[in-house]
Amino acid sequence: MRRLLQIVFFFEVGFVLALVPWSAYWDRNYFADTLPWLGAIITNDFVRGGVTGLGLVNLAVGAMELISVFVARRDEEPVLSIRQSSAEE
């Protein structure tokens, strides 16, 4: 359960970091309005791209964790032995 919550967290943070820098919410930032020099840095396309890159890294980590959960789940299934299959018949 804890691992699935981690995966959800990675996906949520990834989507937020990938999409928010290109939205109007990013431009209407309290700190950018208060500190003009910070506003110039935050609205720079290179900074937006860097934040989006971090979001894509989070999405990739979430996808890899999700794949590893499915692979581990598949490996945990018991293999039928001859003794088990003859007892079921």
PDB file of N, CA and C in Angstrom:
ATOM      1  N   MET A   1       0.823  -1.193   0.000  1.00  0.00           N
ATOM      2  CA  MET A   1       0.000   0.000   0.000  1.00  0.00           C
ATOM      3  C   MET A   1       0.870   1.262   0.000  1.00  0.00           C
ATOM      4  N   ARG A   2       1.943   1.212   0.796  1.00  0.00           N
ATOM      5  CA  ARG A   2       2.834   2.372   0.882  1.00  0.00           C
ATOM      6  C   ARG A   2       3.489   2.656  -0.466  1.00  0.00           C
ATOM      7  N   ARG A   3       3.827   1.596  -1.169  1.00  0.00           N
ATOM      8  CA  ARG A   3       4.482   1.762  -2.463  1.00  0.00           C
ATOM      9  C   ARG A   3       3.522   2.374  -3.487  1.00  0.00           C
ATOM     10  N   LEU A   4       2.262   1.983  -3.431  1.00  0.00           N
ATOM     11  CA  LEU A   4       1.287   2.564  -4.350  1.00  0.00           C
ATOM     12  C   LEU A   4       1.056   4.045  -4.057  1.00  0.00           C
ATOM     13  N   LEU A   5       1.076   4.424  -2.787  1.00  0.00           N
ATOM     14  CA  LEU A   5       0.955   5.843  -2.446  1.00  0.00           C
ATOM     15  C   LEU A   5       2.153   6.631  -2.957  1.00  0.00           C
ATOM     16  N   GLN A   6       3.328   6.025  -2.912  1.00  0.00           N
ATOM     17  CA  GLN A   6       4.515   6.674  -3.476  1.00  0.00           C
ATOM     18  C   GLN A   6       4.353   6.887  -4.973  1.00  0.00           C
ATOM     19  N   ILE A   7       3.817   5.899  -5.649  1.00  0.00           N
ATOM     20  CA  ILE A   7       3.621   6.009  -7.096  1.00  0.00           C
ATOM     21  C   ILE A   7       2.631   7.117  -7.411  1.00  0.00           C
ATOM     22  N   VAL A   8       1.551   7.185  -6.665  1.00  0.00           N
ATOM     23  CA  VAL A   8       0.562   8.257  -6.870  1.00  0.00           C
ATOM     24  C   VAL A   8       1.207   9.614  -6.627  1.00  0.00           C
ATOM     25  N   PHE A   9       2.039   9.701  -5.591  1.00  0.00           N
ATOM     26  CA  PHE A   9       2.739  10.957  -5.300  1.00  0.00           C
ATOM     27  C   PHE A   9       3.648  11.357  -6.459  1.00  0.00           C
ATOM     28  N   PHE A  10       4.419  10.406  -6.996  1.00  0.00           N
ATOM     29  CA  PHE A  10       5.305  10.716  -8.122  1.00  0.00           C
ATOM     30  C   PHE A  10       4.507  11.220  -9.325  1.00  0.00           C
ATOM     31  N   PHE A  11       3.396  10.561  -9.626  1.00  0.00           N
ATOM     32  CA  PHE A  11       2.590  10.995 -10.766  1.00  0.00           C
ATOM     33  C   PHE A  11       1.975  12.373 -10.531  1.00  0.00           C
ATOM     34  N   GLU A  12       1.472  12.602  -9.331  1.00  0.00           N
ATOM     35  CA  GLU A  12       0.854  13.897  -9.037  1.00  0.00           C
ATOM     36  C   GLU A  12       1.868  15.035  -9.130  1.00  0.00           C
ATOM     37  N   VAL A  13       3.008  14.866  -8.491  1.00  0.00           N
ATOM     38  CA  VAL A  13       4.051  15.895  -8.543  1.00  0.00           C
ATOM     39  C   VAL A  13       4.547  16.067  -9.975  1.00  0.00           C
ATOM     40  N   GLY A  14       4.680  14.969 -10.698  1.00  0.00           N
ATOM     41  CA  GLY A  14       5.139  15.049 -12.083  1.00  0.00           C
ATOM     42  C   GLY A  14       4.197  15.843 -12.961  1.00  0.00           C
ATOM     43  N   PHE A  15       2.897  15.572 -12.836  1.00  0.00           N
ATOM     44  CA  PHE A  15       1.928  16.318 -13.642  1.00  0.00           C
ATOM     45  C   PHE A  15       1.906  17.798 -13.271  1.00  0.00           C
ATOM     46  N   VAL A  16       1.970  18.087 -11.992  1.00  0.00           N
ATOM     47  CA  VAL A  16       1.949  19.492 -11.563  1.00  0.00           C
ATOM     48  C   VAL A  16       3.187  20.217 -12.079  1.00  0.00           C
ATOM     49  N   LEU A  17       4.366  19.617 -11.891  1.00  0.00           N
ATOM     50  CA  LEU A  17       5.597  20.280 -12.334  1.00  0.00           C
ATOM     51  C   LEU A  17       5.690  20.374 -13.847  1.00  0.00           C
ATOM     52  N   ALA A  18       5.066  19.466 -14.561  1.00  0.00           N
ATOM     53  CA  ALA A  18       5.136  19.506 -16.018  1.00  0.00           C
ATOM     54  C   ALA A  18       4.148  20.510 -16.617  1.00  0.00           C
ATOM     55  N   LEU A  19       3.011  20.716 -15.959  1.00  0.00           N
ATOM     56  CA  LEU A  19       1.970  21.552 -16.567  1.00  0.00           C
ATOM     57  C   LEU A  19       1.884  22.969 -16.014  1.00  0.00           C
ATOM     58  N   VAL A  20       2.115  23.157 -14.738  1.00  0.00           N
ATOM     59  CA  VAL A  20       1.910  24.466 -14.114  1.00  0.00           C
ATOM     60  C   VAL A  20       2.824  25.563 -14.670  1.00  0.00           C
ATOM     61  N   PRO A  21       4.097  25.297 -14.977  1.00  0.00           N
ATOM     62  CA  PRO A  21       4.929  26.401 -15.490  1.00  0.00           C
ATOM     63  C   PRO A  21       4.412  27.031 -16.776  1.00  0.00           C
ATOM     64  N   TRP A  22       3.580  26.343 -17.513  1.00  0.00           N
ATOM     65  CA  TRP A  22       3.084  26.872 -18.778  1.00  0.00           C
ATOM     66  C   TRP A  22       1.659  27.387 -18.660  1.00  0.00           C
ATOM     67  N   SER A  23       1.131  27.432 -17.443  1.00  0.00           N
ATOM     68  CA  SER A  23      -0.237  27.920 -17.249  1.00  0.00           C
ATOM     69  C   SER A  23      -0.230  29.377 -16.785  1.00  0.00           C
ATOM     70  N   ALA A  24      -1.420  29.964 -16.750  1.00  0.00           N
ATOM     71  CA  ALA A  24      -1.557  31.353 -16.282  1.00  0.00           C
ATOM     72  C   ALA A  24      -1.295  31.449 -14.781  1.00  0.00           C
ATOM     73  N   TYR A  25      -1.486  30.362 -14.068  1.00  0.00           N
ATOM     74  CA  TYR A  25      -1.232  30.349 -12.622  1.00  0.00           C
ATOM     75  C   TYR A  25       0.228  30.687 -12.324  1.00  0.00           C
ATOM     76  N   TRP A  26       1.131  30.234 -13.158  1.00  0.00           N
ATOM     77  CA  TRP A  26       2.560  30.483 -12.973  1.00  0.00           C
ATOM     78  C   TRP A  26       2.867  31.975 -13.127  1.00  0.00           C
ATOM     79  N   ASP A  27       2.183  32.651 -14.017  1.00  0.00           N
ATOM     80  CA  ASP A  27       2.424  34.081 -14.254  1.00  0.00           C
ATOM     81  C   ASP A  27       1.832  34.956 -13.152  1.00  0.00           C
ATOM     82  N   ARG A  28       0.752  34.505 -12.523  1.00  0.00           N
ATOM     83  CA  ARG A  28       0.103  35.268 -11.452  1.00  0.00           C
ATOM     84  C   ARG A  28       0.605  34.809 -10.091  1.00  0.00           C
ATOM     85  N   ASN A  29       1.888  34.860  -9.910  1.00  0.00           N
ATOM     86  CA  ASN A  29       2.536  34.377  -8.694  1.00  0.00           C
ATOM     87  C   ASN A  29       2.717  35.537  -7.709  1.00  0.00           C
ATOM     88  N   TYR A  30       2.414  35.307  -6.453  1.00  0.00           N
ATOM     89  CA  TYR A  30       2.555  36.338  -5.429  1.00  0.00           C
ATOM     90  C   TYR A  30       4.010  36.802  -5.310  1.00  0.00           C
ATOM     91  N   PHE A  31       4.923  35.854  -5.304  1.00  0.00           N
ATOM     92  CA  PHE A  31       6.339  36.198  -5.137  1.00  0.00           C
ATOM     93  C   PHE A  31       6.880  36.947  -6.354  1.00  0.00           C
ATOM     94  N   ALA A  32       6.400  36.611  -7.534  1.00  0.00           N
ATOM     95  CA  ALA A  32       6.826  37.333  -8.737  1.00  0.00           C
ATOM     96  C   ALA A  32       6.321  38.765  -8.728  1.00  0.00           C
ATOM     97  N   ASP A  33       5.132  38.996  -8.154  1.00  0.00           N
ATOM     98  CA  ASP A  33       4.601  40.357  -8.071  1.00  0.00           C
ATOM     99  C   ASP A  33       5.311  41.170  -6.999  1.00  0.00           C
ATOM    100  N   THR A  34       5.694  40.521  -5.909  1.00  0.00           N
ATOM    101  CA  THR A  34       6.351  41.222  -4.807  1.00  0.00           C
ATOM    102  C   THR A  34       7.806  41.545  -5.128  1.00  0.00           C
ATOM    103  N   LEU A  35       8.511  40.603  -5.695  1.00  0.00           N
ATOM    104  CA  LEU A  35       9.927  40.778  -6.023  1.00  0.00           C
ATOM    105  C   LEU A  35      10.090  40.768  -7.544  1.00  0.00           C
ATOM    106  N   PRO A  36      10.263  41.926  -8.167  1.00  0.00           N
ATOM    107  CA  PRO A  36      10.352  41.980  -9.637  1.00  0.00           C
ATOM    108  C   PRO A  36      11.519  41.178 -10.216  1.00  0.00           C
ATOM    109  N   TRP A  37      12.633  41.139  -9.518  1.00  0.00           N
ATOM    110  CA  TRP A  37      13.775  40.379 -10.044  1.00  0.00           C
ATOM    111  C   TRP A  37      13.470  38.885 -10.050  1.00  0.00           C
ATOM    112  N   LEU A  38      12.681  38.417  -9.087  1.00  0.00           N
ATOM    113  CA  LEU A  38      12.293  37.004  -9.067  1.00  0.00           C
ATOM    114  C   LEU A  38      11.279  36.720 -10.172  1.00  0.00           C
ATOM    115  N   GLY A  39      10.423  37.693 -10.458  1.00  0.00           N
ATOM    116  CA  GLY A  39       9.464  37.540 -11.549  1.00  0.00           C
ATOM    117  C   GLY A  39      10.140  37.353 -12.885  1.00  0.00           C
ATOM    118  N   ALA A  40      11.245  38.074 -13.094  1.00  0.00           N
ATOM    119  CA  ALA A  40      11.995  37.932 -14.347  1.00  0.00           C
ATOM    120  C   ALA A  40      12.610  36.543 -14.461  1.00  0.00           C
ATOM    121  N   ILE A  41      13.049  35.988 -13.345  1.00  0.00           N
ATOM    122  CA  ILE A  41      13.655  34.651 -13.364  1.00  0.00           C
ATOM    123  C   ILE A  41      12.582  33.588 -13.568  1.00  0.00           C
ATOM    124  N   ILE A  42      11.474  33.721 -12.846  1.00  0.00           N
ATOM    125  CA  ILE A  42      10.424  32.707 -12.907  1.00  0.00           C
ATOM    126  C   ILE A  42       9.777  32.638 -14.289  1.00  0.00           C
ATOM    127  N   THR A  43       9.612  33.766 -14.954  1.00  0.00           N
ATOM    128  CA  THR A  43       8.960  33.770 -16.262  1.00  0.00           C
ATOM    129  C   THR A  43       9.914  33.454 -17.408  1.00  0.00           C
ATOM    130  N   ASN A  44      11.176  33.221 -17.105  1.00  0.00           N
ATOM    131  CA  ASN A  44      12.140  32.838 -18.128  1.00  0.00           C
ATOM    132  C   ASN A  44      11.781  31.446 -18.658  1.00  0.00           C
ATOM    133  N   ASP A  45      11.817  31.291 -19.971  1.00  0.00           N
ATOM    134  CA  ASP A  45      11.445  30.010 -20.580  1.00  0.00           C
ATOM    135  C   ASP A  45      12.404  28.881 -20.198  1.00  0.00           C
ATOM    136  N   PHE A  46      13.656  29.194 -19.954  1.00  0.00           N
ATOM    137  CA  PHE A  46      14.611  28.166 -19.555  1.00  0.00           C
ATOM    138  C   PHE A  46      14.278  27.614 -18.162  1.00  0.00           C
ATOM    139  N   VAL A  47      13.845  28.482 -17.268  1.00  0.00           N
ATOM    140  CA  VAL A  47      13.439  28.035 -15.922  1.00  0.00           C
ATOM    141  C   VAL A  47      12.175  27.193 -16.028  1.00  0.00           C
ATOM    142  N   ARG A  48      11.240  27.642 -16.847  1.00  0.00           N
ATOM    143  CA  ARG A  48      10.020  26.858 -17.049  1.00  0.00           C
ATOM    144  C   ARG A  48      10.354  25.484 -17.627  1.00  0.00           C
ATOM    145  N   GLY A  49      11.257  25.444 -18.563  1.00  0.00           N
ATOM    146  CA  GLY A  49      11.665  24.167 -19.147  1.00  0.00           C
ATOM    147  C   GLY A  49      12.353  23.270 -18.134  1.00  0.00           C
ATOM    148  N   GLY A  50      13.164  23.863 -17.257  1.00  0.00           N
ATOM    149  CA  GLY A  50      13.822  23.074 -16.217  1.00  0.00           C
ATOM    150  C   GLY A  50      12.831  22.471 -15.239  1.00  0.00           C
ATOM    151  N   VAL A  51      11.842  23.253 -14.851  1.00  0.00           N
ATOM    152  CA  VAL A  51      10.819  22.745 -13.933  1.00  0.00           C
ATOM    153  C   VAL A  51       9.992  21.661 -14.627  1.00  0.00           C
ATOM    154  N   THR A  52       9.686  21.862 -15.901  1.00  0.00           N
ATOM    155  CA  THR A  52       8.961  20.848 -16.660  1.00  0.00           C
ATOM    156  C   THR A  52       9.794  19.573 -16.768  1.00  0.00           C
ATOM    157  N   GLY A  53      11.096  19.718 -16.948  1.00  0.00           N
ATOM    158  CA  GLY A  53      11.980  18.545 -16.992  1.00  0.00           C
ATOM    159  C   GLY A  53      11.957  17.768 -15.695  1.00  0.00           C
ATOM    160  N   LEU A  54      11.939  18.470 -14.568  1.00  0.00           N
ATOM    161  CA  LEU A  54      11.826  17.777 -13.278  1.00  0.00           C
ATOM    162  C   LEU A  54      10.491  17.041 -13.181  1.00  0.00           C
ATOM    163  N   GLY A  55       9.447  17.632 -13.720  1.00  0.00           N
ATOM    164  CA  GLY A  55       8.154  16.953 -13.734  1.00  0.00           C
ATOM    165  C   GLY A  55       8.179  15.692 -14.578  1.00  0.00           C
ATOM    166  N   LEU A  56       8.849  15.761 -15.721  1.00  0.00           N
ATOM    167  CA  LEU A  56       8.954  14.577 -16.578  1.00  0.00           C
ATOM    168  C   LEU A  56       9.786  13.487 -15.916  1.00  0.00           C
ATOM    169  N   VAL A  57      10.816  13.877 -15.171  1.00  0.00           N
ATOM    170  CA  VAL A  57      11.605  12.892 -14.419  1.00  0.00           C
ATOM    171  C   VAL A  57      10.723  12.220 -13.370  1.00  0.00           C
ATOM    172  N   ASN A  58       9.898  12.985 -12.670  1.00  0.00           N
ATOM    173  CA  ASN A  58       8.985  12.403 -11.683  1.00  0.00           C
ATOM    174  C   ASN A  58       7.992  11.454 -12.348  1.00  0.00           C
ATOM    175  N   LEU A  59       7.480  11.812 -13.505  1.00  0.00           N
ATOM    176  CA  LEU A  59       6.568  10.926 -14.217  1.00  0.00           C
ATOM    177  C   LEU A  59       7.267   9.635 -14.632  1.00  0.00           C
ATOM    178  N   ALA A  60       8.511   9.740 -15.081  1.00  0.00           N
ATOM    179  CA  ALA A  60       9.262   8.545 -15.471  1.00  0.00           C
ATOM    180  C   ALA A  60       9.529   7.644 -14.276  1.00  0.00           C
ATOM    181  N   VAL A  61       9.877   8.237 -13.133  1.00  0.00           N
ATOM    182  CA  VAL A  61      10.120   7.440 -11.927  1.00  0.00           C
ATOM    183  C   VAL A  61       8.826   6.766 -11.482  1.00  0.00           C
ATOM    184  N   GLY A  62       7.720   7.475 -11.547  1.00  0.00           N
ATOM    185  CA  GLY A  62       6.438   6.878 -11.196  1.00  0.00           C
ATOM    186  C   GLY A  62       6.084   5.720 -12.110  1.00  0.00           C
ATOM    187  N   ALA A  63       6.341   5.879 -13.407  1.00  0.00           N
ATOM    188  CA  ALA A  63       6.070   4.791 -14.359  1.00  0.00           C
ATOM    189  C   ALA A  63       6.964   3.591 -14.087  1.00  0.00           C
ATOM    190  N   MET A  64       8.238   3.839 -13.794  1.00  0.00           N
ATOM    191  CA  MET A  64       9.155   2.728 -13.501  1.00  0.00           C
ATOM    192  C   MET A  64       8.747   2.004 -12.222  1.00  0.00           C
ATOM    193  N   GLU A  65       8.322   2.735 -11.221  1.00  0.00           N
ATOM    194  CA  GLU A  65       7.865   2.109  -9.981  1.00  0.00           C
ATOM    195  C   GLU A  65       6.607   1.286 -10.221  1.00  0.00           C
ATOM    196  N   LEU A  66       5.695   1.808 -11.038  1.00  0.00           N
ATOM    197  CA  LEU A  66       4.476   1.078 -11.335  1.00  0.00           C
ATOM    198  C   LEU A  66       4.794  -0.212 -12.091  1.00  0.00           C
ATOM    199  N   ILE A  67       5.703  -0.144 -13.032  1.00  0.00           N
ATOM    200  CA  ILE A  67       6.122  -1.344 -13.767  1.00  0.00           C
ATOM    201  C   ILE A  67       6.768  -2.345 -12.821  1.00  0.00           C
ATOM    202  N   SER A  68       7.609  -1.863 -11.905  1.00  0.00           N
ATOM    203  CA  SER A  68       8.263  -2.787 -10.972  1.00  0.00           C
ATOM    204  C   SER A  68       7.254  -3.456 -10.039  1.00  0.00           C
ATOM    205  N   VAL A  69       6.175  -2.751  -9.694  1.00  0.00           N
ATOM    206  CA  VAL A  69       5.131  -3.367  -8.866  1.00  0.00           C
ATOM    207  C   VAL A  69       4.460  -4.504  -9.634  1.00  0.00           C
ATOM    208  N   PHE A  70       4.156  -4.277 -10.905  1.00  0.00           N
ATOM    209  CA  PHE A  70       3.519  -5.322 -11.700  1.00  0.00           C
ATOM    210  C   PHE A  70       4.449  -6.510 -11.920  1.00  0.00           C
ATOM    211  N   VAL A  71       5.724  -6.245 -12.141  1.00  0.00           N
ATOM    212  CA  VAL A  71       6.682  -7.332 -12.338  1.00  0.00           C
ATOM    213  C   VAL A  71       6.850  -8.130 -11.050  1.00  0.00           C
ATOM    214  N   ALA A  72       6.948  -7.453  -9.918  1.00  0.00           N
ATOM    215  CA  ALA A  72       7.093  -8.144  -8.642  1.00  0.00           C
ATOM    216  C   ALA A  72       5.836  -8.947  -8.324  1.00  0.00           C
ATOM    217  N   ARG A  73       4.694  -8.416  -8.674  1.00  0.00           N
ATOM    218  CA  ARG A  73       3.437  -9.133  -8.423  1.00  0.00           C
ATOM    219  C   ARG A  73       3.357 -10.389  -9.278  1.00  0.00           C
ATOM    220  N   ARG A  74       3.825 -10.299 -10.503  1.00  0.00           N
ATOM    221  CA  ARG A  74       3.800 -11.464 -11.392  1.00  0.00           C
ATOM    222  C   ARG A  74       4.763 -12.539 -10.896  1.00  0.00           C
ATOM    223  N   ASP A  75       5.908 -12.121 -10.346  1.00  0.00           N
ATOM    224  CA  ASP A  75       6.895 -13.080  -9.856  1.00  0.00           C
ATOM    225  C   ASP A  75       6.461 -13.749  -8.560  1.00  0.00           C
ATOM    226  N   GLU A  76       5.553 -13.133  -7.812  1.00  0.00           N
ATOM    227  CA  GLU A  76       5.120 -13.702  -6.538  1.00  0.00           C
ATOM    228  C   GLU A  76       4.069 -14.785  -6.696  1.00  0.00           C
ATOM    229  N   GLU A  77       3.502 -14.936  -7.881  1.00  0.00           N
ATOM    230  CA  GLU A  77       2.505 -15.978  -8.077  1.00  0.00           C
ATOM    231  C   GLU A  77       3.163 -17.341  -7.928  1.00  0.00           C
ATOM    232  N   PRO A  78       2.563 -18.240  -7.172  1.00  0.00           N
ATOM    233  CA  PRO A  78       3.191 -19.541  -6.951  1.00  0.00           C
ATOM    234  C   PRO A  78       3.200 -20.381  -8.221  1.00  0.00           C
ATOM    235  N   VAL A  79       4.261 -21.119  -8.385  1.00  0.00           N
ATOM    236  CA  VAL A  79       4.393 -22.022  -9.508  1.00  0.00           C
ATOM    237  C   VAL A  79       3.833 -23.364  -9.070  1.00  0.00           C
ATOM    238  N   LEU A  80       2.970 -23.936  -9.889  1.00  0.00           N
ATOM    239  CA  LEU A  80       2.389 -25.230  -9.549  1.00  0.00           C
ATOM    240  C   LEU A  80       3.432 -26.322  -9.664  1.00  0.00           C
ATOM    241  N   SER A  81       3.541 -27.098  -8.647  1.00  0.00           N
ATOM    242  CA  SER A  81       4.438 -28.253  -8.722  1.00  0.00           C
ATOM    243  C   SER A  81       3.631 -29.494  -9.040  1.00  0.00           C
ATOM    244  N   ILE A  82       4.298 -30.564  -9.274  1.00  0.00           N
ATOM    245  CA  ILE A  82       3.616 -31.815  -9.579  1.00  0.00           C
ATOM    246  C   ILE A  82       2.760 -32.256  -8.403  1.00  0.00           C
ATOM    247  N   ARG A  83       3.263 -32.086  -7.202  1.00  0.00           N
ATOM    248  CA  ARG A  83       2.543 -32.484  -6.004  1.00  0.00           C
ATOM    249  C   ARG A  83       1.251 -31.663  -5.856  1.00  0.00           C
ATOM    250  N   GLN A  84       1.299 -30.373  -6.121  1.00  0.00           N
ATOM    251  CA  GLN A  84       0.104 -29.548  -5.998  1.00  0.00           C
ATOM    252  C   GLN A  84      -0.922 -29.878  -7.065  1.00  0.00           C
ATOM    253  N   SER A  85      -0.498 -30.098  -8.293  1.00  0.00           N
ATOM    254  CA  SER A  85      -1.446 -30.365  -9.365  1.00  0.00           C
ATOM    255  C   SER A  85      -2.106 -31.722  -9.211  1.00  0.00           C
ATOM    256  N   SER A  86      -1.415 -32.723  -8.688  1.00  0.00           N
ATOM    257  CA  SER A  86      -2.023 -34.040  -8.505  1.00  0.00           C
ATOM    258  C   SER A  86      -2.991 -34.027  -7.331  1.00  0.00           C
ATOM    259  N   ALA A  87      -2.760 -33.165  -6.331  1.00  0.00           N
ATOM    260  CA  ALA A  87      -3.661 -33.094  -5.181  1.00  0.00           C
ATOM    261  C   ALA A  87      -4.967 -32.434  -5.560  1.00  0.00           C
ATOM    262  N   GLU A  88      -4.957 -31.550  -6.555  1.00  0.00           N
ATOM    263  CA  GLU A  88      -6.161 -30.850  -6.953  1.00  0.00           C
ATOM    264  C   GLU A  88      -7.057 -31.729  -7.808  1.00  0.00           C
ATOM    265  N   GLU A  89      -6.517 -32.723  -8.474  1.00  0.00           N
ATOM    266  CA  GLU A  89      -7.308 -33.579  -9.358  1.00  0.00           C
ATOM    267  C   GLU A  89      -8.018 -34.564  -8.573  1.00  0.00           C
TER     268      GLU A  89
END
